[in-house]
Amino acid sequence: MRTETARNAVTYTPYGMLAILWLVGWTLRVPILTAPPLATNIANSFGLGEASIGALTMLPIVAVAFGAIPAAWIITKFGLRVAIVGGLICAGAASVGRGQVPSAELLFFASVIMGLGIAVCQTALPLATRTWTPTHLALGSTVYLNGMMAGELSAAGLTRPIILPLANFDWRIALILWAVPILIVAILVLLSRPANTDDSSNLPDRQNPSPVTSIPSLRDRHVWQYGILLGSSVLAFFIINAYSGSVLKARGESEALSALLLAYNTTPLLASLCLLLVPHWIGKRAPIAISGIATVIGLSGFIIFDSWLSWMSALVVGYAATIKTILLVSLPPKIAKGTAVTRLSAGMTLIGFSLAFIIPLIGGWIADTTGTVVIALYPALAFLIIGLSALGRHSEYQNYK
């Protein structure tokens, strides 16, 4: 009987929780990626410059970065479900707030609050994968990351052709419309009941580890190694989303922006589908190295060329950066257990997303100073090249404790 039960536990596929993981993943990118398609509308309302436009997209990213450490504490203190539901409600409410603010300062503030809510959910998902789909770790990771990629495509590809007309071409109403499904997903998570209840991290109680044990140490070299790798992939993807409108406008190619954003934000979905077929790549060095090199080549092409060759180079960046991001975000539940999953995930997020915010901001400042938009991409390219040094020497990444 015990052998048969164990066999069923191994073969059982938790479709319900996989669907929940996908939906939560979807919500983590929708509120962030609604900004690039609406950037010109928002900029016209508040008179924003290039650096401010870049910050509008990247500010939630830095909030995700600095929210990772308190998120790790919240997850261990209150449990996965409460943390994820609370994070979704925070992100959804702040997204509504962004559509109501009267000034650019309050817009940026609401973006930070939204990023903090996303930080809680994003930090919780690796542990949720290990807890809710313990016999399907690779599948759970790729499923929720596929949801994130689908969220990017939804926000970038549907905002201008569908959501904006529904909002009577008012960007404020468009932001509110995108917040509705986020709140619906929060309700679904609250009502969900994972089949696996063995892991005490689902509920806060006295038997849970101290929340302090989930806080990452910045003296941990693995946190820096994986954080730099994650930062280079996140930076590569978001830098083109943030500045493609300005770059294409400077080249006289503005008519291609909508199609480019749609195609560009389709590449993550394709990349995530690819990884569903090869989940054994998770934990290996070679796929991360190859995708990192391809990202450098793609961003170089987007900077150097123009017209269709530049656009194709951007698609290479989107696809390769997503492969690298998925492999890195999936790493903690693969090489760690228990609170170590949250600790490593939070540390990677803090370092990686901080770098992904600071570097585009520097690029935007240089572009504003020189009056040459494409220069905004140069610091990102330099960091991508330097980041390759963090790949390490082992063919497979070692267990983390």
Protein backbone atom coordinates (compact mmCIF):
# COMPACT_ATOMS: atom_id res chain seq x y z
CA MET A 1 0.00 0.00 0.00
CA ARG A 2 2.78 2.43 0.95
CA THR A 3 4.65 1.66 -2.29
CA GLU A 4 1.51 2.28 -4.34
CA THR A 5 0.89 5.58 -2.54
CA ALA A 6 4.44 6.73 -3.19
CA ARG A 7 4.11 5.76 -6.86
CA ASN A 8 0.88 7.75 -7.17
CA ALA A 9 2.55 10.76 -5.51
CA VAL A 10 5.28 10.64 -8.11
CA THR A 11 3.00 10.20 -11.14
CA TYR A 12 0.24 12.57 -10.05
CA THR A 13 0.34 15.85 -11.97
CA PRO A 14 -1.11 18.75 -9.92
CA TYR A 15 -2.86 20.51 -12.80
CA GLY A 16 -4.85 22.80 -10.54
CA MET A 17 -1.80 24.21 -8.77
CA LEU A 18 0.11 24.43 -12.06
CA ALA A 19 -2.74 26.61 -13.34
CA ILE A 20 -2.52 28.78 -10.22
CA LEU A 21 1.25 29.12 -10.63
CA TRP A 22 0.75 30.13 -14.27
CA LEU A 23 -1.82 32.78 -13.39
CA VAL A 24 0.32 34.27 -10.62
CA GLY A 25 3.28 34.34 -13.01
CA TRP A 26 1.10 36.14 -15.56
CA THR A 27 0.26 38.89 -13.09
CA LEU A 28 3.92 39.62 -12.31
CA ARG A 29 4.67 41.14 -15.71
CA VAL A 30 1.37 42.64 -16.84
CA PRO A 31 1.48 45.77 -14.59
CA ILE A 32 5.15 46.42 -15.42
CA LEU A 33 4.92 45.93 -19.19
CA THR A 34 1.86 48.14 -19.64
CA ALA A 35 4.18 51.16 -19.27
CA PRO A 36 6.21 50.91 -22.53
CA PRO A 37 3.17 50.93 -24.89
CA LEU A 38 1.71 53.88 -22.94
CA ALA A 39 5.03 55.66 -22.39
CA THR A 40 4.48 58.40 -24.99
CA ASN A 41 0.95 59.09 -23.68
CA ILE A 42 2.17 59.31 -20.10
CA ALA A 43 5.20 61.40 -21.10
CA ASN A 44 2.96 63.90 -22.88
CA SER A 45 0.74 64.20 -19.81
CA PHE A 46 3.61 64.94 -17.43
CA GLY A 47 6.34 66.29 -19.75
CA LEU A 48 8.80 63.47 -19.02
CA GLY A 49 12.30 63.22 -20.55
CA GLU A 50 14.17 60.11 -21.70
CA ALA A 51 15.55 59.26 -18.25
CA SER A 52 12.08 59.58 -16.71
CA ILE A 53 10.51 57.41 -19.41
CA GLY A 54 13.11 54.75 -18.71
CA ALA A 55 12.51 55.08 -14.97
CA LEU A 56 8.78 54.59 -15.48
CA THR A 57 9.44 51.10 -16.80
CA MET A 58 12.38 50.29 -14.56
CA LEU A 59 11.20 51.77 -11.24
CA PRO A 60 8.98 48.78 -10.41
CA ILE A 61 12.04 46.64 -11.12
CA VAL A 62 14.11 48.36 -8.42
CA ALA A 63 11.14 48.04 -6.08
CA VAL A 64 11.15 44.31 -6.81
CA ALA A 65 14.87 44.29 -6.01
CA PHE A 66 14.71 46.07 -2.66
CA GLY A 67 11.43 44.40 -1.78
CA ALA A 68 13.01 40.94 -2.03
CA ILE A 69 14.46 40.94 1.50
CA PRO A 70 11.28 42.04 3.31
CA ALA A 71 9.40 39.67 0.99
CA ALA A 72 11.53 36.76 2.24
CA TRP A 73 10.66 37.73 5.84
CA ILE A 74 6.95 38.05 5.01
CA ILE A 75 6.84 34.65 3.28
CA THR A 76 8.42 32.82 6.22
CA LYS A 77 6.41 34.76 8.81
CA PHE A 78 2.94 34.55 7.26
CA GLY A 79 3.13 31.63 4.80
CA LEU A 80 3.01 31.31 1.03
CA ARG A 81 -0.69 31.82 0.45
CA VAL A 82 -1.03 34.94 2.59
CA ALA A 83 2.14 36.42 1.10
CA ILE A 84 1.09 35.82 -2.51
CA VAL A 85 -2.49 37.03 -2.00
CA GLY A 86 -1.27 40.14 -0.16
CA GLY A 87 1.32 40.84 -2.85
CA LEU A 88 -1.25 40.56 -5.63
CA ILE A 89 -3.70 42.86 -3.85
CA CYS A 90 -0.93 45.40 -3.28
CA ALA A 91 0.17 45.27 -6.93
CA GLY A 92 -3.39 45.50 -8.23
CA ALA A 93 -4.37 48.40 -5.97
CA ALA A 94 -1.18 50.32 -6.83
CA SER A 95 -1.81 49.72 -10.52
CA VAL A 96 -5.23 51.32 -10.11
CA GLY A 97 -3.54 54.15 -8.21
CA ARG A 98 -1.15 54.80 -11.09
CA GLY A 99 -4.14 55.58 -13.25
CA GLN A 100 -5.47 58.17 -10.77
CA VAL A 101 -2.41 60.20 -9.79
CA PRO A 102 -2.28 63.94 -10.59
CA SER A 103 1.52 64.25 -10.81
CA ALA A 104 4.61 62.43 -12.06
CA GLU A 105 5.95 62.16 -8.51
CA LEU A 106 2.89 60.26 -7.33
CA LEU A 107 3.01 58.14 -10.48
CA PHE A 108 6.53 57.04 -9.59
CA PHE A 109 5.52 56.45 -5.96
CA ALA A 110 2.60 54.23 -7.00
CA SER A 111 4.96 52.35 -9.32
CA VAL A 112 7.25 51.63 -6.36
CA ILE A 113 4.35 50.29 -4.25
CA MET A 114 3.26 48.13 -7.18
CA GLY A 115 6.81 46.78 -7.47
CA LEU A 116 6.87 45.88 -3.77
CA GLY A 117 3.72 43.80 -4.19
CA ILE A 118 5.26 42.06 -7.19
CA ALA A 119 8.44 41.47 -5.17
CA VAL A 120 6.55 39.43 -2.58
CA CYS A 121 4.97 37.20 -5.21
CA GLN A 122 8.13 36.83 -7.27
CA THR A 123 10.19 35.86 -4.23
CA ALA A 124 7.49 33.41 -3.12
CA LEU A 125 7.07 31.54 -6.39
CA PRO A 126 10.27 29.42 -6.26
CA LEU A 127 9.27 28.14 -2.82
CA ALA A 128 5.66 27.75 -4.00
CA THR A 129 6.95 25.53 -6.79
CA ARG A 130 8.77 23.27 -4.33
CA THR A 131 5.81 23.28 -1.92
CA TRP A 132 2.81 23.03 -4.26
CA THR A 133 4.34 20.87 -7.01
CA PRO A 134 7.06 18.93 -5.13
CA THR A 135 7.18 16.02 -7.59
CA HIS A 136 7.27 18.31 -10.64
CA LEU A 137 9.82 21.00 -9.76
CA ALA A 138 11.10 21.66 -13.28
CA LEU A 139 7.58 21.64 -14.72
CA GLY A 140 6.27 23.98 -12.00
CA SER A 141 9.13 26.43 -12.57
CA THR A 142 8.73 26.52 -16.33
CA VAL A 143 4.93 26.78 -16.05
CA TYR A 144 4.91 29.88 -13.84
CA LEU A 145 7.69 31.42 -15.89
CA ASN A 146 5.68 30.68 -19.02
CA GLY A 147 2.88 32.62 -17.34
CA MET A 148 5.25 35.53 -16.78
CA MET A 149 6.20 35.50 -20.45
CA ALA A 150 2.56 35.36 -21.49
CA GLY A 151 1.96 38.35 -19.20
CA GLU A 152 4.69 40.29 -20.96
CA LEU A 153 3.13 39.49 -24.33
CA SER A 154 -0.36 40.38 -23.11
CA ALA A 155 0.67 43.76 -21.72
CA ALA A 156 2.99 44.78 -24.55
CA GLY A 157 0.94 43.34 -27.39
CA LEU A 158 -2.65 44.05 -26.33
CA THR A 159 -2.41 47.42 -24.58
CA ARG A 160 -2.43 49.69 -27.65
CA PRO A 161 -4.63 47.69 -30.07
CA ILE A 162 -7.25 46.47 -27.57
CA ILE A 163 -7.07 47.90 -24.04
CA LEU A 164 -6.44 51.52 -25.04
CA PRO A 165 -9.48 51.67 -27.39
CA LEU A 166 -11.59 50.03 -24.67
CA ALA A 167 -10.39 52.81 -22.36
CA ASN A 168 -11.46 55.45 -24.89
CA PHE A 169 -7.73 56.11 -25.52
CA ASP A 170 -7.25 57.30 -21.95
CA TRP A 171 -4.01 55.79 -20.53
CA ARG A 172 -5.30 56.23 -16.98
CA ILE A 173 -8.33 54.03 -17.60
CA ALA A 174 -6.16 51.53 -19.48
CA LEU A 175 -4.03 51.02 -16.35
CA ILE A 176 -7.16 50.45 -14.28
CA LEU A 177 -8.50 47.86 -16.74
CA TRP A 178 -5.27 45.87 -16.50
CA ALA A 179 -5.54 45.83 -12.69
CA VAL A 180 -8.85 43.94 -12.66
CA PRO A 181 -7.49 40.48 -13.60
CA ILE A 182 -4.72 40.84 -11.01
CA LEU A 183 -7.30 41.12 -8.24
CA ILE A 184 -9.25 38.18 -9.68
CA VAL A 185 -6.11 36.00 -9.56
CA ALA A 186 -5.63 37.00 -5.90
CA ILE A 187 -9.09 35.61 -5.13
CA LEU A 188 -8.29 32.36 -6.97
CA VAL A 189 -5.09 31.90 -4.97
CA LEU A 190 -7.00 32.50 -1.75
CA LEU A 191 -9.54 29.83 -2.68
CA SER A 192 -7.00 27.29 -3.96
CA ARG A 193 -6.19 24.16 -1.96
CA PRO A 194 -2.83 22.54 -2.76
CA ALA A 195 -2.90 18.73 -2.66
CA ASN A 196 0.48 18.76 -0.88
CA THR A 197 0.15 20.00 2.69
CA ASP A 198 3.27 18.43 4.13
CA ASP A 199 5.39 21.56 3.90
CA SER A 200 4.71 23.77 6.90
CA SER A 201 5.62 26.88 4.94
CA ASN A 202 2.06 27.00 3.67
CA LEU A 203 0.92 28.21 7.06
CA PRO A 204 2.63 30.37 9.65
CA ASP A 205 3.01 28.53 12.93
CA ARG A 206 5.46 27.94 15.73
CA GLN A 207 7.12 25.06 13.93
CA ASN A 208 8.17 27.21 10.99
CA PRO A 209 11.82 28.31 10.76
CA SER A 210 12.67 31.76 12.05
CA PRO A 211 12.04 34.43 9.37
CA VAL A 212 15.61 35.61 9.96
CA THR A 213 16.95 32.41 8.37
CA SER A 214 15.35 33.37 5.04
CA ILE A 215 17.13 36.74 4.78
CA PRO A 216 20.05 36.58 2.30
CA SER A 217 23.59 37.63 3.16
CA LEU A 218 25.39 40.00 0.82
CA ARG A 219 28.63 38.29 1.83
CA ASP A 220 27.46 35.12 0.08
CA ARG A 221 29.43 34.81 -3.17
CA HIS A 222 26.74 32.58 -4.73
CA VAL A 223 24.16 35.31 -4.23
CA TRP A 224 26.42 37.73 -6.10
CA GLN A 225 27.29 35.25 -8.84
CA TYR A 226 23.70 34.31 -9.63
CA GLY A 227 22.50 37.86 -8.99
CA ILE A 228 24.87 39.32 -11.59
CA LEU A 229 23.84 36.67 -14.11
CA LEU A 230 20.16 37.36 -13.43
CA GLY A 231 20.71 41.12 -13.61
CA SER A 232 22.31 40.88 -17.04
CA SER A 233 19.40 38.88 -18.46
CA VAL A 234 16.67 41.05 -16.90
CA LEU A 235 18.53 44.19 -18.00
CA ALA A 236 18.89 42.94 -21.57
CA PHE A 237 15.18 42.30 -21.89
CA PHE A 238 13.87 45.45 -20.23
CA ILE A 239 16.36 47.87 -21.82
CA ILE A 240 14.84 47.36 -25.27
CA ASN A 241 11.29 47.58 -23.93
CA ALA A 242 12.21 50.81 -22.16
CA TYR A 243 14.03 52.58 -25.00
CA SER A 244 12.83 51.02 -28.26
CA GLY A 245 10.21 53.74 -28.73
CA SER A 246 12.77 56.52 -28.39
CA VAL A 247 15.38 54.73 -30.53
CA LEU A 248 12.95 54.02 -33.34
CA LYS A 249 11.64 57.58 -33.21
CA ALA A 250 15.20 58.94 -33.54
CA ARG A 251 15.75 56.69 -36.57
CA GLY A 252 12.47 57.71 -38.18
CA GLU A 253 11.02 54.20 -37.73
CA SER A 254 8.18 54.97 -35.32
CA GLU A 255 5.66 53.21 -37.54
CA ALA A 256 7.35 49.91 -36.71
CA LEU A 257 7.11 50.33 -32.92
CA SER A 258 3.81 48.52 -32.32
CA ALA A 259 4.80 45.54 -34.47
CA LEU A 260 8.26 45.38 -32.92
CA LEU A 261 6.92 45.45 -29.35
CA LEU A 262 4.41 42.74 -30.18
CA ALA A 263 7.03 40.52 -31.83
CA TYR A 264 9.63 41.28 -29.16
CA ASN A 265 7.30 40.38 -26.32
CA THR A 266 6.27 37.21 -28.14
CA THR A 267 9.83 35.86 -27.93
CA PRO A 268 9.63 35.19 -24.15
CA LEU A 269 6.56 33.03 -24.68
CA LEU A 270 8.36 31.05 -27.38
CA ALA A 271 11.43 30.72 -25.16
CA SER A 272 9.38 29.43 -22.23
CA LEU A 273 7.64 26.89 -24.47
CA CYS A 274 11.06 25.74 -25.64
CA LEU A 275 12.18 25.18 -22.05
CA LEU A 276 9.06 23.15 -21.32
CA LEU A 277 10.55 20.61 -23.74
CA VAL A 278 14.02 20.64 -22.17
CA PRO A 279 13.57 21.12 -18.39
CA HIS A 280 16.86 19.24 -17.83
CA TRP A 281 18.68 22.43 -18.88
CA ILE A 282 17.89 23.88 -15.44
CA GLY A 283 21.03 23.79 -13.29
CA LYS A 284 23.46 23.49 -16.21
CA ARG A 285 26.04 26.12 -17.14
CA ALA A 286 26.21 25.70 -20.92
CA PRO A 287 22.65 26.88 -21.81
CA ILE A 288 23.11 29.97 -19.62
CA ALA A 289 26.47 30.74 -21.24
CA ILE A 290 25.17 30.33 -24.80
CA SER A 291 22.10 32.49 -24.16
CA GLY A 292 24.29 35.15 -22.50
CA ILE A 293 26.59 35.36 -25.52
CA ALA A 294 23.60 35.49 -27.89
CA THR A 295 22.16 38.36 -25.84
CA VAL A 296 25.38 40.36 -26.23
CA ILE A 297 25.38 39.78 -30.00
CA GLY A 298 21.71 40.73 -30.30
CA LEU A 299 21.99 43.97 -28.34
CA SER A 300 25.09 44.92 -30.34
CA GLY A 301 23.10 44.41 -33.53
CA PHE A 302 20.20 46.53 -32.27
CA ILE A 303 22.63 49.36 -31.52
CA ILE A 304 24.74 49.15 -34.69
CA PHE A 305 22.15 48.44 -37.39
CA ASP A 306 18.86 50.04 -38.32
CA SER A 307 15.64 48.97 -40.04
CA TRP A 308 14.82 45.22 -40.22
CA LEU A 309 18.31 44.05 -39.25
CA SER A 310 18.09 46.03 -36.01
CA TRP A 311 14.63 44.70 -35.33
CA MET A 312 15.74 41.10 -35.87
CA SER A 313 18.64 41.69 -33.48
CA ALA A 314 16.14 42.86 -30.87
CA LEU A 315 14.21 39.60 -31.24
CA VAL A 316 17.42 37.67 -30.59
CA VAL A 317 17.81 39.65 -27.35
CA GLY A 318 14.25 38.89 -26.28
CA TYR A 319 14.54 35.16 -26.91
CA ALA A 320 18.05 34.63 -25.50
CA ALA A 321 17.55 36.86 -22.45
CA THR A 322 14.35 35.01 -21.59
CA ILE A 323 16.03 31.60 -21.83
CA LYS A 324 18.73 32.85 -19.46
CA THR A 325 16.23 34.45 -17.06
CA ILE A 326 14.08 31.32 -16.83
CA LEU A 327 17.08 29.08 -16.20
CA LEU A 328 18.33 31.39 -13.43
CA VAL A 329 14.98 31.96 -11.74
CA SER A 330 14.40 28.19 -11.78
CA LEU A 331 17.77 27.57 -10.14
CA PRO A 332 16.91 28.09 -6.41
CA PRO A 333 14.31 25.29 -6.12
CA LYS A 334 16.66 23.06 -8.12
CA ILE A 335 19.79 23.45 -5.97
CA ALA A 336 18.32 24.45 -2.57
CA LYS A 337 15.69 23.31 -0.06
CA GLY A 338 13.53 24.91 2.62
CA THR A 339 14.33 28.49 3.61
CA ALA A 340 17.50 28.31 1.51
CA VAL A 341 15.25 28.53 -1.58
CA THR A 342 13.77 31.84 -0.42
CA ARG A 343 17.15 33.11 0.80
CA LEU A 344 18.89 32.47 -2.52
CA SER A 345 15.95 33.71 -4.58
CA ALA A 346 15.68 36.93 -2.54
CA GLY A 347 19.41 37.59 -2.75
CA MET A 348 19.50 37.04 -6.51
CA THR A 349 16.48 39.28 -6.96
CA LEU A 350 17.95 42.07 -4.83
CA ILE A 351 21.24 42.18 -6.73
CA GLY A 352 19.95 41.34 -10.19
CA PHE A 353 16.99 43.71 -10.28
CA SER A 354 18.96 46.54 -8.65
CA LEU A 355 21.51 46.33 -11.45
CA ALA A 356 18.72 46.09 -14.02
CA PHE A 357 17.36 49.42 -12.74
CA ILE A 358 20.54 51.40 -12.14
CA ILE A 359 22.24 50.72 -15.47
CA PRO A 360 19.36 51.86 -17.74
CA LEU A 361 18.98 54.95 -15.56
CA ILE A 362 22.65 55.80 -16.13
CA GLY A 363 22.16 55.21 -19.84
CA GLY A 364 19.11 57.48 -19.91
CA TRP A 365 21.02 60.23 -18.12
CA ILE A 366 23.88 59.99 -20.63
CA ALA A 367 21.39 60.08 -23.51
CA ASP A 368 19.71 63.20 -22.10
CA THR A 369 23.13 64.83 -21.61
CA THR A 370 24.49 64.04 -25.07
CA GLY A 371 21.23 64.29 -26.99
CA THR A 372 21.88 60.88 -28.61
CA VAL A 373 19.20 58.36 -27.68
CA VAL A 374 21.00 55.16 -28.69
CA ILE A 375 23.80 55.90 -26.19
CA ALA A 376 21.31 54.90 -23.49
CA LEU A 377 22.00 51.28 -24.49
CA TYR A 378 25.80 51.41 -24.21
CA PRO A 379 26.12 50.88 -20.43
CA ALA A 380 23.78 47.89 -20.69
CA LEU A 381 25.91 46.31 -23.42
CA ALA A 382 29.07 46.83 -21.36
CA PHE A 383 27.50 45.15 -18.33
CA LEU A 384 26.26 42.21 -20.40
CA ILE A 385 29.81 41.57 -21.56
CA ILE A 386 31.25 41.90 -18.04
CA GLY A 387 28.48 39.69 -16.63
CA LEU A 388 29.71 36.70 -18.64
CA SER A 389 32.57 36.41 -16.14
CA ALA A 390 30.07 35.24 -13.49
CA LEU A 391 29.19 32.02 -15.32
CA GLY A 392 31.52 29.94 -13.16
CA ARG A 393 33.62 26.90 -14.05
CA HIS A 394 31.43 23.90 -13.18
CA SER A 395 29.28 22.31 -15.87
CA GLU A 396 26.45 22.06 -13.31
CA TYR A 397 25.70 24.47 -10.47
CA GLN A 398 26.29 22.98 -7.03
CA ASN A 399 23.81 22.43 -4.19
CA TYR A 400 23.17 25.54 -2.10
CA LYS A 401 22.63 25.46 1.67
